[in-house]
């Protein structure tokens, strides 16, 4: 079956002879002609035919082109500002994306590491609005510039939305889990520092997406929600640093254990939002693991994560704060099983916790009032511990108890483009992590 685009091209080819004929008739029109049609009737007929051509060209443009759409830089329905463009059009194709890269200066003391240059990711948002109630949206990520070494191509999300009414909508596909501040809004101009907060990569394993189904909506002007049923984590990926490697990403993922995740966001005042989210599900996935030639069944390993967050913006000031905890059931059994199976002896903690606060202030109005440019010095303080409560008989690795200090500055020549410079100091209570300075850039379109 031919595509709509190819069908549109065929229609344009078929229209060309008619357009040429119509042009000839317009050029040869004789005001004094007394043939079949009067002068006024002929002009009216030409106008009608021209109107038909204009309609056909508009239909063709919608089918084979992706016209530029104006949109506000605001997140919506659980997507970042660029990803949310799909909701600003009435019908047709939506194309957007983002790019980010960095140059990193590393100082790890005795274990010195080379400086690093990397195009971290180049992302394409592709969506299609079928009508006013049905829309598909997706994010395709190209990571680390190539797939030959450590790079990858990943579908971060791919959702089909059924837009019933503002209060109640349905969604199915690969979903961004609605947890924390960064996981859904992870476009580089909309978070501070070159890299995401450590708490939102270790305690909440951002960026995190799973296959699932759920509901979302907005109740009035102040309250929004999202509730999903998704595939569970895979406990075989857990380690001393947390549950991050237990993400499955919907690639041949195990679905024996499912999970629930929900989020509430309240905006009581202009510029202020307060939210919370909760995740609950088993992660054993009914698997067996080889221990000395015997297949031993993994425990259910229930995982719960909860977090509280707030964002406040007033004039040039921005403040963000988040606190999160992750809990893993049967953590001692998992640690013992992994050790017996010949893993790198990770210690899985029963509780992991962390939080951060950051503040930024736009000083550009002091130098250039009324400009769309921004210049924001910022500072973030983080505390996290992925070994906070290990089972009896195991020793916590103090390397994973950290205080992180990140001062920096970011400049936006326009709201879509950002340049970042920041310094990251980590106190890990074990003296194994050094300082780093990173220069990054990012953009959305």
Protein backbone atom coordinates (compact mmCIF):
# COMPACT_ATOMS: atom_id res chain seq x y z
CA UNK A 1 0.00 0.00 0.00
CA UNK A 2 1.52 3.41 -0.95
CA UNK A 3 2.27 5.83 1.89
CA UNK A 4 0.36 9.08 2.33
CA UNK A 5 3.52 10.97 1.39
CA UNK A 6 3.98 9.05 -1.88
CA UNK A 7 0.27 9.42 -2.59
CA UNK A 8 0.60 13.17 -2.05
CA UNK A 9 3.50 13.37 -4.52
CA UNK A 10 1.41 11.50 -7.11
CA UNK A 11 -1.41 13.98 -6.61
CA UNK A 12 1.00 16.87 -7.16
CA UNK A 13 2.20 15.29 -10.42
CA UNK A 14 -1.40 14.88 -11.54
CA UNK A 15 -2.12 18.51 -10.65
CA UNK A 16 0.73 19.90 -12.77
CA UNK A 17 -1.05 19.66 -16.17
CA UNK A 18 -4.13 21.25 -14.65
CA UNK A 19 -2.07 24.08 -13.17
CA UNK A 20 -0.39 24.70 -16.51
CA UNK A 21 -3.71 24.69 -18.34
CA UNK A 22 -5.24 27.01 -15.75
CA UNK A 23 -2.32 29.39 -16.12
CA UNK A 24 -2.75 29.42 -19.90
CA UNK A 25 -6.43 30.14 -19.60
CA UNK A 26 -5.77 33.03 -17.23
CA UNK A 27 -3.17 34.48 -19.59
CA UNK A 28 -5.38 34.11 -22.67
CA UNK A 29 -8.60 35.35 -21.12
CA UNK A 30 -10.27 37.86 -23.49
CA UNK A 31 -12.53 40.41 -21.81
CA UNK A 32 -14.48 40.77 -25.05
CA UNK A 33 -15.10 37.08 -25.52
CA UNK A 34 -18.73 36.16 -26.14
CA UNK A 35 -18.14 32.42 -26.40
CA UNK A 36 -19.82 29.75 -24.20
CA UNK A 37 -19.39 31.64 -20.94
CA UNK A 38 -19.78 35.32 -20.27
CA UNK A 39 -16.72 37.15 -19.02
CA UNK A 40 -18.02 37.24 -15.43
CA UNK A 41 -19.00 33.57 -15.48
CA UNK A 42 -15.58 32.56 -16.78
CA UNK A 43 -13.78 34.56 -14.11
CA UNK A 44 -15.98 33.00 -11.41
CA UNK A 45 -15.22 29.53 -12.77
CA UNK A 46 -11.47 30.24 -12.79
CA UNK A 47 -11.67 31.43 -9.17
CA UNK A 48 -13.48 28.25 -8.15
CA UNK A 49 -10.90 26.07 -9.85
CA UNK A 50 -8.05 28.06 -8.31
CA UNK A 51 -9.60 27.64 -4.87
CA UNK A 52 -9.71 23.88 -5.43
CA UNK A 53 -6.02 23.88 -6.33
CA UNK A 54 -5.14 25.85 -3.18
CA UNK A 55 -7.03 23.32 -1.05
CA UNK A 56 -5.20 20.43 -2.71
CA UNK A 57 -1.82 22.08 -2.16
CA UNK A 58 -2.62 22.63 1.54
CA UNK A 59 -3.54 18.96 1.93
CA UNK A 60 -0.31 18.00 0.15
CA UNK A 61 1.77 20.26 2.40
CA UNK A 62 0.33 18.59 5.49
CA UNK A 63 1.11 15.15 4.09
CA UNK A 64 4.68 15.54 2.87
CA UNK A 65 6.07 18.39 4.98
CA UNK A 66 6.76 19.09 8.61
CA UNK A 67 5.88 22.79 8.88
CA UNK A 68 7.48 24.82 11.63
CA UNK A 69 5.10 25.25 14.53
CA UNK A 70 5.29 27.88 17.20
CA UNK A 71 5.19 26.45 20.70
CA UNK A 72 5.82 27.52 24.26
CA UNK A 73 8.85 26.14 26.09
CA UNK A 74 6.76 24.40 28.71
CA UNK A 75 6.46 20.72 29.66
CA UNK A 76 3.07 19.10 29.19
CA UNK A 77 1.45 15.72 29.85
CA UNK A 78 4.66 14.23 31.22
CA UNK A 79 6.99 15.38 28.42
CA UNK A 80 9.71 18.00 28.21
CA UNK A 81 9.08 21.24 26.30
CA UNK A 82 10.42 20.04 22.92
CA UNK A 83 8.80 16.61 23.22
CA UNK A 84 5.47 18.28 24.05
CA UNK A 85 5.30 20.05 20.66
CA UNK A 86 2.91 17.34 19.45
CA UNK A 87 0.15 18.85 21.62
CA UNK A 88 0.49 22.28 19.96
CA UNK A 89 -0.61 21.15 16.51
CA UNK A 90 -4.08 20.15 15.34
CA UNK A 91 -3.01 17.41 12.94
CA UNK A 92 0.02 16.02 11.12
CA UNK A 93 3.72 15.49 11.76
CA UNK A 94 5.67 16.89 14.70
CA UNK A 95 9.48 16.84 14.61
CA UNK A 96 11.80 18.03 17.35
CA UNK A 97 14.81 16.91 19.31
CA UNK A 98 17.80 17.85 21.40
CA UNK A 99 21.59 17.57 21.39
CA UNK A 100 24.12 17.67 24.23
CA UNK A 101 27.86 17.21 24.58
CA UNK A 102 30.69 18.01 26.97
CA UNK A 103 34.40 18.41 27.54
CA UNK A 104 35.47 17.10 30.95
CA UNK A 105 38.63 17.82 32.95
CA UNK A 106 39.24 15.00 35.44
CA UNK A 107 41.38 14.86 38.58
CA UNK A 108 41.16 11.54 40.41
CA UNK A 109 44.32 11.84 42.48
CA UNK A 110 46.40 8.67 42.32
CA UNK A 111 43.91 7.04 39.94
CA UNK A 112 44.14 9.90 37.48
CA UNK A 113 41.79 9.66 34.53
CA UNK A 114 42.18 11.23 31.09
CA UNK A 115 40.19 14.30 30.16
CA UNK A 116 37.13 13.40 28.15
CA UNK A 117 35.34 14.73 25.07
CA UNK A 118 31.97 13.28 24.17
CA UNK A 119 28.86 13.98 22.14
CA UNK A 120 26.63 12.55 24.83
CA UNK A 121 23.46 12.22 22.83
CA UNK A 122 21.66 13.39 19.74
CA UNK A 123 17.93 12.86 19.99
CA UNK A 124 15.05 12.94 17.53
CA UNK A 125 11.46 13.49 18.62
CA UNK A 126 9.04 12.19 16.01
CA UNK A 127 5.29 12.26 16.43
CA UNK A 128 2.05 12.26 14.50
CA UNK A 129 -1.27 13.83 15.50
CA UNK A 130 -3.99 11.82 13.76
CA UNK A 131 -6.83 14.03 14.97
CA UNK A 132 -7.81 15.98 18.06
CA UNK A 133 -7.94 12.88 20.28
CA UNK A 134 -5.26 10.46 19.00
CA UNK A 135 -1.52 11.17 18.97
CA UNK A 136 1.71 9.18 18.75
CA UNK A 137 4.97 10.54 20.15
CA UNK A 138 8.48 9.07 20.34
CA UNK A 139 12.10 9.77 21.30
CA UNK A 140 14.96 8.05 19.47
CA UNK A 141 18.35 8.58 21.10
CA UNK A 142 21.79 8.23 19.49
CA UNK A 143 24.25 8.02 22.37
CA UNK A 144 28.02 8.67 22.41
CA UNK A 145 28.19 9.54 18.70
CA UNK A 146 28.60 5.95 17.46
CA UNK A 147 27.44 2.38 18.09
CA UNK A 148 30.89 0.90 17.44
CA UNK A 149 32.35 1.42 20.92
CA UNK A 150 30.10 2.38 23.84
CA UNK A 151 27.35 4.08 21.86
CA UNK A 152 23.81 2.93 21.30
CA UNK A 153 20.55 3.73 19.58
CA UNK A 154 17.63 3.59 21.98
CA UNK A 155 13.91 4.26 21.90
CA UNK A 156 13.56 6.28 25.11
CA UNK A 157 9.80 6.50 24.78
CA UNK A 158 7.13 5.66 22.22
CA UNK A 159 3.60 6.43 23.33
CA UNK A 160 0.13 6.34 21.82
CA UNK A 161 -2.11 8.85 23.59
CA UNK A 162 -5.90 8.76 23.65
CA UNK A 163 -6.86 12.34 24.50
CA UNK A 164 -10.35 12.12 25.90
CA UNK A 165 -10.54 15.25 28.02
CA UNK A 166 -8.13 17.30 30.17
CA UNK A 167 -9.06 15.34 33.30
CA UNK A 168 -8.80 11.85 31.83
CA UNK A 169 -6.54 10.51 29.07
CA UNK A 170 -4.99 7.12 28.34
CA UNK A 171 -1.48 6.17 27.22
CA UNK A 172 0.18 2.94 26.05
CA UNK A 173 3.70 2.12 24.85
CA UNK A 174 7.20 2.72 26.14
CA UNK A 175 6.60 5.24 28.92
CA UNK A 176 8.90 7.61 30.80
CA UNK A 177 8.31 6.82 34.45
CA UNK A 178 6.87 9.91 36.16
CA UNK A 179 9.39 10.13 38.99
CA UNK A 180 11.46 13.02 40.25
CA UNK A 181 12.23 16.30 38.49
CA UNK A 182 14.52 15.15 35.67
CA UNK A 183 13.24 11.79 34.37
CA UNK A 184 10.45 13.26 32.25
CA UNK A 185 12.00 16.68 31.60
CA UNK A 186 15.56 15.64 30.73
CA UNK A 187 16.28 18.09 27.89
CA UNK A 188 19.60 19.88 28.59
CA UNK A 189 18.41 23.53 28.61
CA UNK A 190 15.95 22.71 31.39
CA UNK A 191 18.20 21.36 34.13
CA UNK A 192 21.31 22.84 35.71
CA UNK A 193 24.87 21.50 35.36
CA UNK A 194 26.41 19.47 32.55
CA UNK A 195 25.33 16.19 34.12
CA UNK A 196 22.10 15.33 35.87
CA UNK A 197 22.00 15.29 39.69
CA UNK A 198 23.60 12.15 41.10
CA UNK A 199 20.54 11.48 43.29
CA UNK A 200 18.37 11.30 40.18
CA UNK A 201 20.65 8.78 38.51
CA UNK A 202 21.34 6.47 41.47
CA UNK A 203 18.28 6.58 43.74
CA UNK A 204 15.86 7.33 40.88
CA UNK A 205 17.54 5.63 37.91
CA UNK A 206 17.05 8.43 35.39
CA UNK A 207 16.54 8.21 32.43
CA UNK A 208 14.07 5.40 33.06
CA UNK A 209 11.41 4.09 30.71
CA UNK A 210 9.37 0.89 30.64
CA UNK A 211 6.64 -0.63 28.52
CA UNK A 212 3.22 -0.13 30.04
CA UNK A 213 -0.23 1.41 30.04
CA UNK A 214 -1.85 4.07 32.15
CA UNK A 215 -3.87 7.22 32.67
CA UNK A 216 -2.92 10.88 32.94
CA UNK A 217 -4.69 14.18 33.24
CA UNK A 218 -5.05 17.57 34.84
CA UNK A 219 -7.77 18.41 37.35
CA UNK A 220 -8.47 22.11 37.33
CA UNK A 221 -5.58 24.54 37.12
CA UNK A 222 -3.54 23.22 40.03
CA UNK A 223 -3.43 19.41 40.12
CA UNK A 224 -2.04 16.90 37.60
CA UNK A 225 -1.53 13.15 37.84
CA UNK A 226 -0.11 10.12 36.03
CA UNK A 227 -0.64 6.45 36.97
CA UNK A 228 0.96 3.59 35.00
CA UNK A 229 1.27 -0.19 35.10
CA UNK A 230 4.70 -1.14 33.70
CA UNK A 231 7.20 -3.97 33.46
CA UNK A 232 9.18 -4.52 36.67
CA UNK A 233 12.90 -4.11 37.21
CA UNK A 234 15.35 -7.00 36.80
CA UNK A 235 17.17 -7.65 40.08
CA UNK A 236 20.09 -9.31 38.28
CA UNK A 237 21.30 -5.82 37.45
CA UNK A 238 21.37 -4.53 41.04
CA UNK A 239 24.74 -3.74 42.57
CA UNK A 240 26.35 -1.79 45.40
CA UNK A 241 25.73 1.46 43.54
CA UNK A 242 21.97 0.95 43.44
CA UNK A 243 19.23 -0.38 41.16
CA UNK A 244 20.10 1.59 38.01
CA UNK A 245 21.32 -1.41 36.01
CA UNK A 246 18.05 -3.19 36.76
CA UNK A 247 16.26 -1.05 34.17
CA UNK A 248 15.11 -3.18 31.26
CA UNK A 249 14.21 -0.53 28.72
CA UNK A 250 11.53 -2.67 26.99
CA UNK A 251 14.13 -4.51 24.89
CA UNK A 252 13.17 -8.20 25.11
CA UNK A 253 12.33 -7.36 28.70
CA UNK A 254 11.10 -9.88 31.24
CA UNK A 255 7.48 -9.23 32.16
CA UNK A 256 6.86 -11.86 34.81
CA UNK A 257 6.80 -9.15 37.48
CA UNK A 258 4.93 -5.90 36.89
CA UNK A 259 5.06 -2.63 38.79
CA UNK A 260 2.82 0.33 39.61
CA UNK A 261 3.99 3.93 39.47
CA UNK A 262 2.02 7.07 40.20
CA UNK A 263 2.63 10.80 40.47
CA UNK A 264 0.78 13.85 41.80
CA UNK A 265 1.82 17.44 41.07
CA UNK A 266 0.26 20.44 42.80
CA UNK A 267 0.73 24.07 41.73
CA UNK A 268 -0.83 26.14 44.54
CA UNK A 269 0.80 29.41 43.45
CA UNK A 270 2.19 30.87 40.28
CA UNK A 271 5.79 29.67 39.96
CA UNK A 272 5.50 27.03 42.69
CA UNK A 273 4.99 23.29 42.17
CA UNK A 274 5.10 20.54 44.79
CA UNK A 275 5.01 16.87 43.79
CA UNK A 276 5.45 13.30 44.87
CA UNK A 277 5.72 9.94 43.14
CA UNK A 278 5.73 6.30 44.21
CA UNK A 279 6.89 3.05 42.55
CA UNK A 280 6.17 -0.50 43.73
CA UNK A 281 6.88 -3.87 42.09
CA UNK A 282 8.78 -7.15 42.34
CA UNK A 283 12.07 -7.52 40.45
CA UNK A 284 12.95 -11.22 40.69
CA UNK A 285 11.13 -11.87 37.39
CA UNK A 286 10.76 -15.58 38.27
CA UNK A 287 14.36 -16.18 37.17
CA UNK A 288 16.84 -18.88 38.08
CA UNK A 289 20.54 -18.24 38.57
CA UNK A 290 23.32 -20.80 38.22
CA UNK A 291 25.14 -21.49 41.50
CA UNK A 292 27.79 -24.24 41.35
CA UNK A 293 25.89 -26.09 38.61
CA UNK A 294 22.50 -25.79 40.30
CA UNK A 295 19.70 -23.46 39.22
CA UNK A 296 18.47 -21.50 42.20
CA UNK A 297 15.38 -19.36 41.97
CA UNK A 298 15.83 -15.68 42.67
CA UNK A 299 13.73 -14.17 45.46
CA UNK A 300 10.89 -11.82 44.53
CA UNK A 301 12.99 -8.81 45.56
CA UNK A 302 10.20 -6.24 45.89
CA UNK A 303 11.31 -2.69 45.14
CA UNK A 304 9.63 0.48 46.37
CA UNK A 305 10.75 4.01 45.58
CA UNK A 306 9.22 7.24 46.79
CA UNK A 307 10.24 10.84 46.38
CA UNK A 308 9.15 14.38 47.25
CA UNK A 309 10.16 17.39 45.16
CA UNK A 310 9.48 21.08 44.73
CA UNK A 311 10.33 23.78 42.19
CA UNK A 312 9.94 27.48 42.89
CA UNK A 313 10.48 30.30 40.40
CA UNK A 314 10.16 33.96 41.33
CA UNK A 315 11.39 36.62 38.95
CA UNK A 316 15.10 35.79 38.36
CA UNK A 317 15.31 33.20 41.15
CA UNK A 318 14.91 29.42 40.72
CA UNK A 319 15.00 26.91 43.55
CA UNK A 320 14.69 23.11 43.32
CA UNK A 321 14.73 20.42 45.99
CA UNK A 322 14.20 16.66 46.01
CA UNK A 323 14.40 13.82 48.51
CA UNK A 324 14.09 10.12 47.55
CA UNK A 325 14.34 6.66 49.08
CA UNK A 326 14.55 3.22 47.44
CA UNK A 327 13.87 -0.02 49.33
CA UNK A 328 14.80 -3.54 48.18
CA UNK A 329 13.24 -6.57 49.85
CA UNK A 330 15.31 -9.76 50.28
CA UNK A 331 18.46 -7.68 49.78
CA UNK A 332 20.54 -10.02 51.94
CA UNK A 333 19.39 -13.08 49.97
CA UNK A 334 20.25 -11.33 46.71
CA UNK A 335 23.73 -10.36 47.95
CA UNK A 336 24.46 -13.92 49.11
CA UNK A 337 23.13 -15.42 45.89
CA UNK A 338 25.21 -13.10 43.69
CA UNK A 339 28.31 -13.84 45.71
CA UNK A 340 27.82 -17.60 45.38
CA UNK A 341 27.15 -17.26 41.66
CA UNK A 342 30.52 -15.61 41.07
CA UNK A 343 29.36 -12.04 40.59
CA UNK A 344 31.67 -9.22 41.68
CA UNK A 345 30.31 -9.65 45.22
CA UNK A 346 27.95 -6.63 45.19
CA UNK A 347 26.29 -5.72 48.44
CA UNK A 348 22.63 -4.89 47.81
CA UNK A 349 21.33 -2.45 50.38
CA UNK A 350 17.87 -2.74 51.88
CA UNK A 351 17.55 1.04 51.84
CA UNK A 352 19.06 3.72 49.60
CA UNK A 353 18.44 7.40 50.10
CA UNK A 354 19.44 10.80 48.83
CA UNK A 355 18.41 14.39 48.36
CA UNK A 356 19.55 17.65 46.87
CA UNK A 357 18.81 21.33 46.80
CA UNK A 358 19.89 23.81 44.16
CA UNK A 359 19.48 27.51 43.63
CA UNK A 360 20.06 29.67 40.54
CA UNK A 361 19.73 33.38 39.84
CA UNK A 362 19.54 35.07 36.45
CA UNK A 363 21.87 38.09 36.48
CA UNK A 364 21.31 39.05 32.82
CA UNK A 365 18.59 41.63 33.65
CA UNK A 366 21.25 43.56 35.57
CA UNK A 367 23.26 44.00 32.35
CA UNK A 368 20.65 43.80 29.60
CA UNK A 369 17.07 44.36 30.82
CA UNK A 370 14.36 42.90 28.61
CA UNK A 371 16.68 40.48 26.81
CA UNK A 372 15.62 36.89 26.12
CA UNK A 373 19.16 35.85 27.04
CA UNK A 374 19.82 34.44 30.52
CA UNK A 375 23.00 34.11 32.57
CA UNK A 376 22.47 32.00 35.69
CA UNK A 377 25.08 31.19 38.33
CA UNK A 378 23.87 28.15 40.28
CA UNK A 379 24.85 25.91 43.15
CA UNK A 380 23.70 22.38 44.01
CA UNK A 381 24.34 20.34 47.14
CA UNK A 382 23.61 16.61 47.16
CA UNK A 383 23.77 13.79 49.66
CA UNK A 384 23.24 10.14 48.74
CA UNK A 385 23.93 6.73 50.22
CA UNK A 386 23.20 3.55 48.26
CA UNK A 387 24.58 1.43 51.12
CA UNK A 388 22.49 2.99 53.85
CA UNK A 389 21.10 -0.21 55.39
CA UNK A 390 22.80 -3.46 54.39
CA UNK A 391 21.72 -6.88 55.69
CA UNK A 392 23.36 -8.50 58.69
CA UNK A 393 26.61 -10.21 57.77
CA UNK A 394 27.54 -7.72 55.04
CA UNK A 395 29.72 -4.63 55.22
CA UNK A 396 28.61 -1.39 53.59
CA UNK A 397 30.99 0.12 51.02
CA UNK A 398 31.55 3.73 52.13
CA UNK A 399 32.48 4.73 48.59
CA UNK A 400 28.76 4.92 47.87
CA UNK A 401 28.05 7.38 50.67
CA UNK A 402 28.65 10.75 49.06
CA UNK A 403 28.29 14.48 49.46
CA UNK A 404 28.40 16.32 46.14
CA UNK A 405 28.97 20.06 45.61
CA UNK A 406 28.32 21.55 42.17
CA UNK A 407 28.80 25.30 41.60
CA UNK A 408 28.50 26.51 38.04
CA UNK A 409 27.06 28.95 35.53
CA UNK A 410 24.90 28.56 32.45
CA UNK A 411 24.23 30.95 29.57
CA UNK A 412 21.29 30.85 27.18
CA UNK A 413 21.61 33.13 24.13
CA UNK A 414 18.05 32.04 23.31
CA UNK A 415 15.75 29.84 25.44
CA UNK A 416 16.44 26.79 23.22
CA UNK A 417 20.25 26.82 23.50
CA UNK A 418 22.47 26.54 26.59
CA UNK A 419 26.19 26.65 27.41
CA UNK A 420 27.25 25.27 30.81
CA UNK A 421 30.39 25.40 32.94
CA UNK A 422 30.50 23.69 36.33
CA UNK A 423 32.82 22.23 38.95
CA UNK A 424 31.96 18.96 40.72
CA UNK A 425 33.48 18.02 44.05
CA UNK A 426 32.61 14.64 45.61
CA UNK A 427 33.28 13.66 49.20
CA UNK A 428 32.69 9.88 49.14
CA UNK A 429 33.93 9.08 52.70
CA UNK A 430 36.50 6.75 51.12
CA UNK A 431 38.70 9.15 49.17
CA UNK A 432 38.18 7.37 45.84
CA UNK A 433 36.42 10.04 43.77
CA UNK A 434 38.19 13.19 42.64
CA UNK A 435 37.10 16.55 41.31
CA UNK A 436 36.04 17.40 37.80
CA UNK A 437 35.31 20.47 35.69
CA UNK A 438 32.90 20.14 32.78
CA UNK A 439 32.00 22.41 29.90
CA UNK A 440 28.79 21.40 28.18
CA UNK A 441 26.38 22.59 25.55
CA UNK A 442 22.81 21.66 24.74
CA UNK A 443 19.93 22.65 22.51
CA UNK A 444 16.35 21.74 21.74
CA UNK A 445 14.27 22.36 18.64
